[in-house]
Amino acid sequence: MTCSVLVGGGWGDEGKGKCITYLCHNDKPNIIARAGVGPNAGHSVEFNGEKYGLR
């Protein structure tokens, strides 16, 4: 099984979301995980037409 890991060391928009979107559309992964979210990070995920807010 192959594994792709995207790591960002800077603050703000580094383009990680765009890279992940590209990888997801091309590689069709079975599992996608996000880790290391800080207390001020507000992100959302859309899955099967439903939007989930992450904090």
PDB file of N, CA and C in Angstrom:
ATOM      1  N   MET A   1       0.848  -1.168   0.000  1.00  0.00           N
ATOM      2  CA  MET A   1       0.000   0.000   0.000  1.00  0.00           C
ATOM      3  C   MET A   1       0.899   1.238   0.000  1.00  0.00           C
ATOM      4  N   THR A   2       0.630   2.164  -0.877  1.00  0.00           N
ATOM      5  CA  THR A   2       1.393   3.412  -0.914  1.00  0.00           C
ATOM      6  C   THR A   2       0.735   4.443  -0.012  1.00  0.00           C
ATOM      7  N   CYS A   3       1.515   5.419   0.391  1.00  0.00           N
ATOM      8  CA  CYS A   3       1.036   6.462   1.290  1.00  0.00           C
ATOM      9  C   CYS A   3       1.611   7.798   0.827  1.00  0.00           C
ATOM     10  N   SER A   4       0.760   8.803   0.738  1.00  0.00           N
ATOM     11  CA  SER A   4       1.214  10.159   0.422  1.00  0.00           C
ATOM     12  C   SER A   4       1.009  11.019   1.660  1.00  0.00           C
ATOM     13  N   VAL A   5       2.017  11.801   2.009  1.00  0.00           N
ATOM     14  CA  VAL A   5       1.945  12.683   3.166  1.00  0.00           C
ATOM     15  C   VAL A   5       2.277  14.092   2.700  1.00  0.00           C
ATOM     16  N   LEU A   6       1.430  15.047   3.058  1.00  0.00           N
ATOM     17  CA  LEU A   6       1.675  16.453   2.723  1.00  0.00           C
ATOM     18  C   LEU A   6       1.893  17.201   4.028  1.00  0.00           C
ATOM     19  N   VAL A   7       3.061  17.824   4.160  1.00  0.00           N
ATOM     20  CA  VAL A   7       3.421  18.532   5.383  1.00  0.00           C
ATOM     21  C   VAL A   7       3.661  19.992   5.041  1.00  0.00           C
ATOM     22  N   GLY A   8       3.085  20.878   5.835  1.00  0.00           N
ATOM     23  CA  GLY A   8       3.314  22.306   5.663  1.00  0.00           C
ATOM     24  C   GLY A   8       3.914  22.872   6.935  1.00  0.00           C
ATOM     25  N   GLY A   9       4.983  23.628   6.815  1.00  0.00           N
ATOM     26  CA  GLY A   9       5.648  24.169   7.991  1.00  0.00           C
ATOM     27  C   GLY A   9       5.389  25.640   8.224  1.00  0.00           C
ATOM     28  N   GLY A  10       4.673  26.266   7.328  1.00  0.00           N
ATOM     29  CA  GLY A  10       4.431  27.697   7.460  1.00  0.00           C
ATOM     30  C   GLY A  10       3.040  28.005   7.969  1.00  0.00           C
ATOM     31  N   TRP A  11       2.818  29.252   8.265  1.00  0.00           N
ATOM     32  CA  TRP A  11       1.508  29.711   8.722  1.00  0.00           C
ATOM     33  C   TRP A  11       0.722  30.246   7.525  1.00  0.00           C
ATOM     34  N   GLY A  12      -0.575  30.115   7.595  1.00  0.00           N
ATOM     35  CA  GLY A  12      -1.416  30.669   6.538  1.00  0.00           C
ATOM     36  C   GLY A  12      -1.585  29.731   5.365  1.00  0.00           C
ATOM     37  N   ASP A  13      -1.979  30.308   4.250  1.00  0.00           N
ATOM     38  CA  ASP A  13      -2.299  29.527   3.058  1.00  0.00           C
ATOM     39  C   ASP A  13      -1.024  29.202   2.286  1.00  0.00           C
ATOM     40  N   GLU A  14      -0.627  27.954   2.376  1.00  0.00           N
ATOM     41  CA  GLU A  14       0.535  27.485   1.616  1.00  0.00           C
ATOM     42  C   GLU A  14       0.108  26.764   0.347  1.00  0.00           C
ATOM     43  N   GLY A  15      -1.174  26.575   0.185  1.00  0.00           N
ATOM     44  CA  GLY A  15      -1.664  25.835  -0.962  1.00  0.00           C
ATOM     45  C   GLY A  15      -1.832  24.350  -0.695  1.00  0.00           C
ATOM     46  N   LYS A  16      -1.765  23.939   0.582  1.00  0.00           N
ATOM     47  CA  LYS A  16      -1.900  22.518   0.922  1.00  0.00           C
ATOM     48  C   LYS A  16      -3.261  21.970   0.489  1.00  0.00           C
ATOM     49  N   GLY A  17      -4.311  22.739   0.683  1.00  0.00           N
ATOM     50  CA  GLY A  17      -5.647  22.280   0.309  1.00  0.00           C
ATOM     51  C   GLY A  17      -5.765  22.010  -1.179  1.00  0.00           C
ATOM     52  N   LYS A  18      -5.160  22.856  -1.980  1.00  0.00           N
ATOM     53  CA  LYS A  18      -5.185  22.655  -3.430  1.00  0.00           C
ATOM     54  C   LYS A  18      -4.402  21.415  -3.828  1.00  0.00           C
ATOM     55  N   CYS A  19      -3.273  21.180  -3.150  1.00  0.00           N
ATOM     56  CA  CYS A  19      -2.483  19.980  -3.426  1.00  0.00           C
ATOM     57  C   CYS A  19      -3.257  18.721  -3.061  1.00  0.00           C
ATOM     58  N   ILE A  20      -3.915  18.727  -1.919  1.00  0.00           N
ATOM     59  CA  ILE A  20      -4.698  17.566  -1.481  1.00  0.00           C
ATOM     60  C   ILE A  20      -5.860  17.316  -2.427  1.00  0.00           C
ATOM     61  N   THR A  21      -6.523  18.375  -2.862  1.00  0.00           N
ATOM     62  CA  THR A  21      -7.623  18.227  -3.817  1.00  0.00           C
ATOM     63  C   THR A  21      -7.136  17.571  -5.096  1.00  0.00           C
ATOM     64  N   TYR A  22      -5.989  18.010  -5.583  1.00  0.00           N
ATOM     65  CA  TYR A  22      -5.401  17.420  -6.788  1.00  0.00           C
ATOM     66  C   TYR A  22      -5.112  15.934  -6.577  1.00  0.00           C
ATOM     67  N   LEU A  23      -4.448  15.600  -5.462  1.00  0.00           N
ATOM     68  CA  LEU A  23      -4.116  14.203  -5.180  1.00  0.00           C
ATOM     69  C   LEU A  23      -5.377  13.342  -5.048  1.00  0.00           C
ATOM     70  N   CYS A  24      -6.404  13.863  -4.411  1.00  0.00           N
ATOM     71  CA  CYS A  24      -7.647  13.105  -4.230  1.00  0.00           C
ATOM     72  C   CYS A  24      -8.335  12.816  -5.556  1.00  0.00           C
ATOM     73  N   HIS A  25      -8.359  13.807  -6.430  1.00  0.00           N
ATOM     74  CA  HIS A  25      -9.008  13.603  -7.730  1.00  0.00           C
ATOM     75  C   HIS A  25      -8.230  12.620  -8.603  1.00  0.00           C
ATOM     76  N   ASN A  26      -6.909  12.603  -8.474  1.00  0.00           N
ATOM     77  CA  ASN A  26      -6.089  11.744  -9.329  1.00  0.00           C
ATOM     78  C   ASN A  26      -5.824  10.366  -8.743  1.00  0.00           C
ATOM     79  N   ASP A  27      -5.556  10.299  -7.441  1.00  0.00           N
ATOM     80  CA  ASP A  27      -5.159   9.029  -6.821  1.00  0.00           C
ATOM     81  C   ASP A  27      -6.324   8.231  -6.248  1.00  0.00           C
ATOM     82  N   LYS A  28      -7.464   8.882  -6.018  1.00  0.00           N
ATOM     83  CA  LYS A  28      -8.659   8.222  -5.457  1.00  0.00           C
ATOM     84  C   LYS A  28      -8.316   7.427  -4.181  1.00  0.00           C
ATOM     85  N   PRO A  29      -7.812   8.090  -3.129  1.00  0.00           N
ATOM     86  CA  PRO A  29      -7.425   7.368  -1.914  1.00  0.00           C
ATOM     87  C   PRO A  29      -8.637   6.808  -1.166  1.00  0.00           C
ATOM     88  N   ASN A  30      -8.405   5.734  -0.416  1.00  0.00           N
ATOM     89  CA  ASN A  30      -9.452   5.134   0.407  1.00  0.00           C
ATOM     90  C   ASN A  30      -9.603   5.856   1.735  1.00  0.00           C
ATOM     91  N   ILE A  31      -8.505   6.394   2.243  1.00  0.00           N
ATOM     92  CA  ILE A  31      -8.513   7.071   3.541  1.00  0.00           C
ATOM     93  C   ILE A  31      -7.797   8.405   3.398  1.00  0.00           C
ATOM     94  N   ILE A  32      -8.404   9.446   3.986  1.00  0.00           N
ATOM     95  CA  ILE A  32      -7.778  10.763   4.036  1.00  0.00           C
ATOM     96  C   ILE A  32      -7.851  11.208   5.491  1.00  0.00           C
ATOM     97  N   ALA A  33      -6.731  11.607   6.071  1.00  0.00           N
ATOM     98  CA  ALA A  33      -6.699  12.018   7.470  1.00  0.00           C
ATOM     99  C   ALA A  33      -6.023  13.376   7.593  1.00  0.00           C
ATOM    100  N   ARG A  34      -6.473  14.136   8.573  1.00  0.00           N
ATOM    101  CA  ARG A  34      -5.888  15.444   8.855  1.00  0.00           C
ATOM    102  C   ARG A  34      -5.483  15.456  10.322  1.00  0.00           C
ATOM    103  N   ALA A  35      -4.290  15.953  10.594  1.00  0.00           N
ATOM    104  CA  ALA A  35      -3.800  15.968  11.975  1.00  0.00           C
ATOM    105  C   ALA A  35      -3.107  17.283  12.271  1.00  0.00           C
ATOM    106  N   GLY A  36      -2.958  17.566  13.545  1.00  0.00           N
ATOM    107  CA  GLY A  36      -2.197  18.734  13.960  1.00  0.00           C
ATOM    108  C   GLY A  36      -2.928  20.045  13.786  1.00  0.00           C
ATOM    109  N   VAL A  37      -4.234  20.043  13.866  1.00  0.00           N
ATOM    110  CA  VAL A  37      -5.016  21.269  13.691  1.00  0.00           C
ATOM    111  C   VAL A  37      -4.904  22.109  14.960  1.00  0.00           C
ATOM    112  N   GLY A  38      -4.530  23.368  14.810  1.00  0.00           N
ATOM    113  CA  GLY A  38      -4.399  24.259  15.953  1.00  0.00           C
ATOM    114  C   GLY A  38      -5.749  24.771  16.425  1.00  0.00           C
ATOM    115  N   PRO A  39      -5.783  25.460  17.567  1.00  0.00           N
ATOM    116  CA  PRO A  39      -7.042  25.928  18.137  1.00  0.00           C
ATOM    117  C   PRO A  39      -7.719  27.016  17.309  1.00  0.00           C
ATOM    118  N   ASN A  40      -6.975  27.726  16.486  1.00  0.00           N
ATOM    119  CA  ASN A  40      -7.561  28.807  15.689  1.00  0.00           C
ATOM    120  C   ASN A  40      -7.900  28.380  14.270  1.00  0.00           C
ATOM    121  N   ALA A  41      -7.616  27.133  13.929  1.00  0.00           N
ATOM    122  CA  ALA A  41      -7.854  26.676  12.562  1.00  0.00           C
ATOM    123  C   ALA A  41      -9.316  26.299  12.384  1.00  0.00           C
ATOM    124  N   GLY A  42      -9.979  26.965  11.485  1.00  0.00           N
ATOM    125  CA  GLY A  42     -11.354  26.625  11.156  1.00  0.00           C
ATOM    126  C   GLY A  42     -11.422  26.149   9.716  1.00  0.00           C
ATOM    127  N   HIS A  43     -11.761  24.904   9.524  1.00  0.00           N
ATOM    128  CA  HIS A  43     -11.810  24.327   8.190  1.00  0.00           C
ATOM    129  C   HIS A  43     -13.127  23.587   8.025  1.00  0.00           C
ATOM    130  N   SER A  44     -13.497  23.321   6.803  1.00  0.00           N
ATOM    131  CA  SER A  44     -14.707  22.552   6.548  1.00  0.00           C
ATOM    132  C   SER A  44     -14.392  21.447   5.547  1.00  0.00           C
ATOM    133  N   VAL A  45     -15.163  20.381   5.653  1.00  0.00           N
ATOM    134  CA  VAL A  45     -15.031  19.237   4.766  1.00  0.00           C
ATOM    135  C   VAL A  45     -16.400  18.957   4.188  1.00  0.00           C
ATOM    136  N   GLU A  46     -16.460  18.726   2.884  1.00  0.00           N
ATOM    137  CA  GLU A  46     -17.725  18.364   2.248  1.00  0.00           C
ATOM    138  C   GLU A  46     -17.647  16.912   1.815  1.00  0.00           C
ATOM    139  N   PHE A  47     -18.652  16.131   2.238  1.00  0.00           N
ATOM    140  CA  PHE A  47     -18.693  14.707   1.945  1.00  0.00           C
ATOM    141  C   PHE A  47     -20.119  14.306   1.632  1.00  0.00           C
ATOM    142  N   ASN A  48     -20.320  13.695   0.487  1.00  0.00           N
ATOM    143  CA  ASN A  48     -21.652  13.263   0.046  1.00  0.00           C
ATOM    144  C   ASN A  48     -22.671  14.394   0.124  1.00  0.00           C
ATOM    145  N   GLY A  49     -22.259  15.580  -0.265  1.00  0.00           N
ATOM    146  CA  GLY A  49     -23.171  16.718  -0.309  1.00  0.00           C
ATOM    147  C   GLY A  49     -23.414  17.377   1.040  1.00  0.00           C
ATOM    148  N   GLU A  50     -22.822  16.885   2.128  1.00  0.00           N
ATOM    149  CA  GLU A  50     -22.976  17.476   3.456  1.00  0.00           C
ATOM    150  C   GLU A  50     -21.677  18.174   3.844  1.00  0.00           C
ATOM    151  N   LYS A  51     -21.802  19.344   4.456  1.00  0.00           N
ATOM    152  CA  LYS A  51     -20.631  20.123   4.846  1.00  0.00           C
ATOM    153  C   LYS A  51     -20.454  20.034   6.361  1.00  0.00           C
ATOM    154  N   TYR A  52     -19.226  19.730   6.793  1.00  0.00           N
ATOM    155  CA  TYR A  52     -18.897  19.587   8.213  1.00  0.00           C
ATOM    156  C   TYR A  52     -17.836  20.600   8.596  1.00  0.00           C
ATOM    157  N   GLY A  53     -18.072  21.342   9.670  1.00  0.00           N
ATOM    158  CA  GLY A  53     -17.105  22.297  10.173  1.00  0.00           C
ATOM    159  C   GLY A  53     -16.158  21.615  11.142  1.00  0.00           C
ATOM    160  N   LEU A  54     -14.862  21.829  10.959  1.00  0.00           N
ATOM    161  CA  LEU A  54     -13.857  21.243  11.839  1.00  0.00           C
ATOM    162  C   LEU A  54     -13.180  22.334  12.637  1.00  0.00           C
ATOM    163  N   ARG A  55     -12.923  22.055  13.881  1.00  0.00           N
ATOM    164  CA  ARG A  55     -12.177  22.971  14.755  1.00  0.00           C
ATOM    165  C   ARG A  55     -11.290  22.168  15.646  1.00  0.00           C
TER     166      ARG A  55
END
